Amino acid sequence: MKDGKEKLSGFDTIYKQIDHIALAVYDIEQAAALFTNAFQLDLVMGLSCPPDGVHTNLVFSLGPQNELELMGPRGGKGFLIDFLKKHGEGFHHLALEVTDID
């Protein structure tokens, strides 16, 4: 390891950039107000409900090519409410853009 950084074998050839960072929150409207007002982030995708029907998403711009996704549960069941009960609010996942998925 040099300068605190170590390359993963082959990773540098497929990794392009961070696509988005996702945060899990109990109250998506309250979290949206925080990111809009306190951090001056622009909303790029309004409230949407993915096909699973158990959570909603809001997406904010972090710059020209990066986004922050807020994920909030709908109701008391589903993977997101289970995640929140176990881990609390905060980081859920990081999505990377790659040159080749295979």
N, C-alpha and C. Protein backbone atom coordinates (compact mmCIF):
# COMPACT_ATOMS: atom_id res chain seq x y z
N MET A 1 0.85 -1.17 0.00
CA MET A 1 0.00 0.00 0.00
C MET A 1 0.89 1.23 0.00
N LYS A 2 0.59 2.16 -0.89
CA LYS A 2 1.38 3.37 -1.01
C LYS A 2 0.47 4.58 -0.81
N ASP A 3 0.86 5.48 0.06
CA ASP A 3 0.07 6.68 0.34
C ASP A 3 -1.35 6.35 0.81
N GLY A 4 -1.52 5.23 1.50
CA GLY A 4 -2.83 4.87 2.02
C GLY A 4 -3.79 4.34 0.98
N LYS A 5 -3.34 4.12 -0.24
CA LYS A 5 -4.22 3.63 -1.29
C LYS A 5 -3.66 2.33 -1.87
N GLU A 6 -4.53 1.39 -2.07
CA GLU A 6 -4.13 0.13 -2.68
C GLU A 6 -5.11 -0.18 -3.80
N LYS A 7 -4.63 -0.44 -4.98
CA LYS A 7 -5.50 -0.74 -6.10
C LYS A 7 -6.00 -2.17 -6.00
N LEU A 8 -7.27 -2.35 -6.33
CA LEU A 8 -7.83 -3.68 -6.42
C LEU A 8 -7.50 -4.22 -7.80
N SER A 9 -7.12 -5.44 -7.87
CA SER A 9 -6.73 -6.04 -9.13
C SER A 9 -7.85 -5.95 -10.16
N GLY A 10 -7.59 -5.28 -11.27
CA GLY A 10 -8.55 -5.14 -12.35
C GLY A 10 -9.60 -4.07 -12.15
N PHE A 11 -9.77 -3.59 -10.94
CA PHE A 11 -10.83 -2.62 -10.65
C PHE A 11 -10.61 -1.31 -11.39
N ASP A 12 -9.37 -0.89 -11.50
CA ASP A 12 -9.09 0.39 -12.14
C ASP A 12 -9.40 0.38 -13.63
N THR A 13 -9.54 -0.79 -14.22
CA THR A 13 -9.84 -0.86 -15.65
C THR A 13 -11.33 -0.86 -15.94
N ILE A 14 -12.18 -1.19 -14.96
CA ILE A 14 -13.62 -1.20 -15.21
C ILE A 14 -14.37 -0.07 -14.52
N TYR A 15 -13.81 0.48 -13.46
CA TYR A 15 -14.47 1.54 -12.69
C TYR A 15 -14.46 2.85 -13.46
N LYS A 16 -15.64 3.49 -13.59
CA LYS A 16 -15.71 4.79 -14.25
C LYS A 16 -15.92 5.90 -13.23
N GLN A 17 -16.96 5.77 -12.40
CA GLN A 17 -17.27 6.82 -11.43
C GLN A 17 -18.32 6.33 -10.44
N ILE A 18 -18.52 7.12 -9.39
CA ILE A 18 -19.63 6.87 -8.47
C ILE A 18 -20.89 7.38 -9.14
N ASP A 19 -21.91 6.54 -9.24
CA ASP A 19 -23.18 6.94 -9.82
C ASP A 19 -24.05 7.61 -8.77
N HIS A 20 -24.27 6.90 -7.65
CA HIS A 20 -25.05 7.51 -6.58
C HIS A 20 -24.74 6.87 -5.23
N ILE A 21 -25.08 7.63 -4.20
CA ILE A 21 -24.98 7.18 -2.81
C ILE A 21 -26.40 7.16 -2.29
N ALA A 22 -26.80 6.08 -1.64
CA ALA A 22 -28.16 5.96 -1.14
C ALA A 22 -28.18 5.95 0.39
N LEU A 23 -29.10 6.72 0.95
CA LEU A 23 -29.31 6.78 2.39
C LEU A 23 -30.70 6.26 2.71
N ALA A 24 -30.81 5.44 3.74
CA ALA A 24 -32.10 4.95 4.21
C ALA A 24 -32.58 5.87 5.34
N VAL A 25 -33.83 6.31 5.24
CA VAL A 25 -34.40 7.21 6.25
C VAL A 25 -35.82 6.76 6.58
N TYR A 26 -36.25 7.03 7.81
CA TYR A 26 -37.62 6.71 8.19
C TYR A 26 -38.61 7.70 7.57
N ASP A 27 -38.29 8.99 7.63
CA ASP A 27 -39.20 10.04 7.15
C ASP A 27 -38.57 10.72 5.94
N ILE A 28 -38.97 10.33 4.75
CA ILE A 28 -38.35 10.83 3.53
C ILE A 28 -38.63 12.31 3.32
N GLU A 29 -39.79 12.80 3.73
CA GLU A 29 -40.11 14.22 3.56
C GLU A 29 -39.25 15.09 4.47
N GLN A 30 -39.04 14.66 5.71
CA GLN A 30 -38.19 15.40 6.64
C GLN A 30 -36.74 15.40 6.14
N ALA A 31 -36.26 14.27 5.68
CA ALA A 31 -34.89 14.19 5.16
C ALA A 31 -34.75 15.04 3.90
N ALA A 32 -35.76 15.05 3.05
CA ALA A 32 -35.73 15.87 1.83
C ALA A 32 -35.62 17.34 2.18
N ALA A 33 -36.36 17.77 3.19
CA ALA A 33 -36.30 19.17 3.62
C ALA A 33 -34.89 19.52 4.11
N LEU A 34 -34.27 18.62 4.86
CA LEU A 34 -32.91 18.85 5.35
C LEU A 34 -31.94 19.02 4.18
N PHE A 35 -31.96 18.11 3.24
CA PHE A 35 -31.00 18.17 2.13
C PHE A 35 -31.29 19.34 1.19
N THR A 36 -32.55 19.71 1.06
CA THR A 36 -32.91 20.85 0.20
C THR A 36 -32.54 22.16 0.87
N ASN A 37 -32.89 22.33 2.14
CA ASN A 37 -32.69 23.61 2.83
C ASN A 37 -31.29 23.78 3.39
N ALA A 38 -30.81 22.82 4.13
CA ALA A 38 -29.52 22.96 4.80
C ALA A 38 -28.34 22.81 3.84
N PHE A 39 -28.47 21.93 2.87
CA PHE A 39 -27.34 21.65 1.98
C PHE A 39 -27.53 22.21 0.57
N GLN A 40 -28.69 22.85 0.34
CA GLN A 40 -28.97 23.49 -0.96
C GLN A 40 -28.85 22.53 -2.14
N LEU A 41 -29.25 21.28 -1.96
CA LEU A 41 -29.19 20.31 -3.05
C LEU A 41 -30.43 20.44 -3.93
N ASP A 42 -30.25 20.23 -5.22
CA ASP A 42 -31.35 20.30 -6.17
C ASP A 42 -31.97 18.92 -6.36
N LEU A 43 -33.29 18.88 -6.27
CA LEU A 43 -34.03 17.65 -6.51
C LEU A 43 -34.05 17.37 -8.01
N VAL A 44 -33.62 16.18 -8.41
CA VAL A 44 -33.61 15.84 -9.84
C VAL A 44 -34.65 14.78 -10.20
N MET A 45 -35.14 14.07 -9.20
CA MET A 45 -36.21 13.10 -9.44
C MET A 45 -37.13 13.10 -8.24
N GLY A 46 -38.38 13.47 -8.47
CA GLY A 46 -39.34 13.53 -7.38
C GLY A 46 -39.69 12.17 -6.82
N LEU A 47 -40.57 12.18 -5.87
CA LEU A 47 -40.98 10.97 -5.18
C LEU A 47 -41.42 9.90 -6.18
N SER A 48 -40.78 8.76 -6.12
CA SER A 48 -41.15 7.65 -6.99
C SER A 48 -41.28 6.39 -6.15
N CYS A 49 -42.07 5.49 -6.65
CA CYS A 49 -42.27 4.21 -5.96
C CYS A 49 -41.80 3.09 -6.86
N PRO A 50 -40.65 2.50 -6.56
CA PRO A 50 -40.17 1.37 -7.36
C PRO A 50 -41.17 0.22 -7.36
N PRO A 51 -41.03 -0.71 -8.28
CA PRO A 51 -41.99 -1.81 -8.43
C PRO A 51 -42.21 -2.66 -7.19
N ASP A 52 -41.25 -2.66 -6.25
CA ASP A 52 -41.44 -3.49 -5.06
C ASP A 52 -42.59 -3.01 -4.19
N GLY A 53 -42.99 -1.73 -4.33
CA GLY A 53 -44.12 -1.19 -3.59
C GLY A 53 -43.89 -0.98 -2.11
N VAL A 54 -42.68 -1.23 -1.61
CA VAL A 54 -42.45 -1.12 -0.17
C VAL A 54 -41.55 0.04 0.21
N HIS A 55 -41.09 0.82 -0.79
CA HIS A 55 -40.31 2.01 -0.44
C HIS A 55 -40.46 3.08 -1.52
N THR A 56 -40.08 4.30 -1.15
CA THR A 56 -40.11 5.42 -2.08
C THR A 56 -38.71 6.02 -2.17
N ASN A 57 -38.46 6.69 -3.28
CA ASN A 57 -37.15 7.29 -3.53
C ASN A 57 -37.29 8.76 -3.87
N LEU A 58 -36.28 9.53 -3.50
CA LEU A 58 -36.07 10.90 -3.97
C LEU A 58 -34.61 10.98 -4.37
N VAL A 59 -34.31 11.71 -5.44
CA VAL A 59 -32.93 11.79 -5.91
C VAL A 59 -32.50 13.25 -6.03
N PHE A 60 -31.34 13.57 -5.44
CA PHE A 60 -30.76 14.91 -5.48
C PHE A 60 -29.47 14.89 -6.27
N SER A 61 -29.14 16.01 -6.90
CA SER A 61 -27.88 16.14 -7.62
C SER A 61 -26.75 16.48 -6.66
N LEU A 62 -25.63 15.77 -6.81
CA LEU A 62 -24.41 16.09 -6.06
C LEU A 62 -23.37 16.71 -6.98
N GLY A 63 -23.76 16.98 -8.18
CA GLY A 63 -22.85 17.52 -9.19
C GLY A 63 -23.28 17.02 -10.55
N PRO A 64 -22.47 17.27 -11.55
CA PRO A 64 -22.88 16.93 -12.90
C PRO A 64 -23.15 15.44 -13.15
N GLN A 65 -22.48 14.55 -12.41
CA GLN A 65 -22.64 13.13 -12.71
C GLN A 65 -22.89 12.26 -11.48
N ASN A 66 -23.14 12.86 -10.33
CA ASN A 66 -23.33 12.09 -9.11
C ASN A 66 -24.64 12.48 -8.44
N GLU A 67 -25.26 11.51 -7.78
CA GLU A 67 -26.54 11.77 -7.14
C GLU A 67 -26.58 11.19 -5.73
N LEU A 68 -27.48 11.76 -4.93
CA LEU A 68 -27.79 11.27 -3.60
C LEU A 68 -29.22 10.76 -3.65
N GLU A 69 -29.42 9.52 -3.28
CA GLU A 69 -30.75 8.93 -3.28
C GLU A 69 -31.21 8.75 -1.83
N LEU A 70 -32.39 9.25 -1.52
CA LEU A 70 -33.02 9.00 -0.23
C LEU A 70 -34.03 7.88 -0.43
N MET A 71 -34.01 6.91 0.46
CA MET A 71 -34.94 5.79 0.40
C MET A 71 -35.74 5.77 1.69
N GLY A 72 -37.07 5.81 1.57
CA GLY A 72 -37.94 5.77 2.73
C GLY A 72 -38.95 4.64 2.62
N PRO A 73 -39.29 3.99 3.73
CA PRO A 73 -40.23 2.87 3.68
C PRO A 73 -41.67 3.34 3.45
N ARG A 74 -42.45 2.47 2.85
CA ARG A 74 -43.90 2.67 2.71
C ARG A 74 -44.56 1.56 3.52
N GLY A 75 -45.11 1.93 4.64
CA GLY A 75 -45.74 0.92 5.48
C GLY A 75 -44.74 0.24 6.40
N GLY A 76 -45.19 -0.81 7.06
CA GLY A 76 -44.37 -1.45 8.07
C GLY A 76 -43.68 -2.73 7.66
N LYS A 77 -43.69 -3.03 6.36
CA LYS A 77 -43.07 -4.28 5.90
C LYS A 77 -42.14 -4.00 4.73
N GLY A 78 -41.21 -4.92 4.51
CA GLY A 78 -40.32 -4.83 3.36
C GLY A 78 -38.87 -4.75 3.77
N PHE A 79 -38.01 -4.86 2.75
CA PHE A 79 -36.57 -4.91 3.00
C PHE A 79 -36.06 -3.64 3.67
N LEU A 80 -36.62 -2.47 3.32
CA LEU A 80 -36.08 -1.22 3.84
C LEU A 80 -36.43 -1.04 5.31
N ILE A 81 -37.65 -1.36 5.70
CA ILE A 81 -38.01 -1.24 7.12
C ILE A 81 -37.18 -2.22 7.95
N ASP A 82 -36.91 -3.41 7.40
CA ASP A 82 -36.05 -4.37 8.09
C ASP A 82 -34.64 -3.81 8.25
N PHE A 83 -34.13 -3.18 7.19
CA PHE A 83 -32.80 -2.57 7.23
C PHE A 83 -32.75 -1.47 8.29
N LEU A 84 -33.76 -0.59 8.30
CA LEU A 84 -33.79 0.52 9.25
C LEU A 84 -33.87 0.03 10.69
N LYS A 85 -34.67 -0.99 10.94
CA LYS A 85 -34.79 -1.54 12.30
C LYS A 85 -33.46 -2.13 12.77
N LYS A 86 -32.73 -2.75 11.86
CA LYS A 86 -31.47 -3.39 12.22
C LYS A 86 -30.31 -2.40 12.31
N HIS A 87 -30.24 -1.45 11.36
CA HIS A 87 -29.07 -0.58 11.26
C HIS A 87 -29.33 0.88 11.58
N GLY A 88 -30.59 1.29 11.62
CA GLY A 88 -30.91 2.70 11.81
C GLY A 88 -30.75 3.48 10.51
N GLU A 89 -31.01 4.78 10.60
CA GLU A 89 -30.90 5.63 9.42
C GLU A 89 -29.44 5.84 9.03
N GLY A 90 -29.23 6.01 7.75
CA GLY A 90 -27.88 6.30 7.28
C GLY A 90 -27.56 5.60 5.98
N PHE A 91 -26.28 5.35 5.78
CA PHE A 91 -25.78 4.78 4.53
C PHE A 91 -26.45 3.44 4.22
N HIS A 92 -26.94 3.30 2.99
CA HIS A 92 -27.53 2.04 2.54
C HIS A 92 -26.68 1.37 1.47
N HIS A 93 -26.33 2.12 0.41
CA HIS A 93 -25.47 1.54 -0.62
C HIS A 93 -24.79 2.61 -1.46
N LEU A 94 -23.77 2.16 -2.17
CA LEU A 94 -23.00 2.99 -3.10
C LEU A 94 -23.06 2.29 -4.45
N ALA A 95 -23.50 3.02 -5.48
CA ALA A 95 -23.59 2.44 -6.82
C ALA A 95 -22.48 3.01 -7.69
N LEU A 96 -21.76 2.13 -8.35
CA LEU A 96 -20.65 2.53 -9.20
C LEU A 96 -21.03 2.35 -10.67
N GLU A 97 -20.55 3.25 -11.51
CA GLU A 97 -20.68 3.08 -12.94
C GLU A 97 -19.41 2.38 -13.42
N VAL A 98 -19.60 1.33 -14.21
CA VAL A 98 -18.46 0.55 -14.71
C VAL A 98 -18.51 0.48 -16.23
N THR A 99 -17.38 0.15 -16.83
CA THR A 99 -17.31 0.07 -18.29
C THR A 99 -17.93 -1.21 -18.82
N ASP A 100 -17.90 -2.29 -18.02
CA ASP A 100 -18.42 -3.57 -18.48
C ASP A 100 -18.97 -4.33 -17.29
N ILE A 101 -20.25 -4.62 -17.29
CA ILE A 101 -20.89 -5.30 -16.17
C ILE A 101 -20.48 -6.77 -16.09
N ASP A 102 -20.09 -7.34 -17.21
CA ASP A 102 -19.67 -8.74 -17.22
C ASP A 102 -18.22 -8.84 -16.84
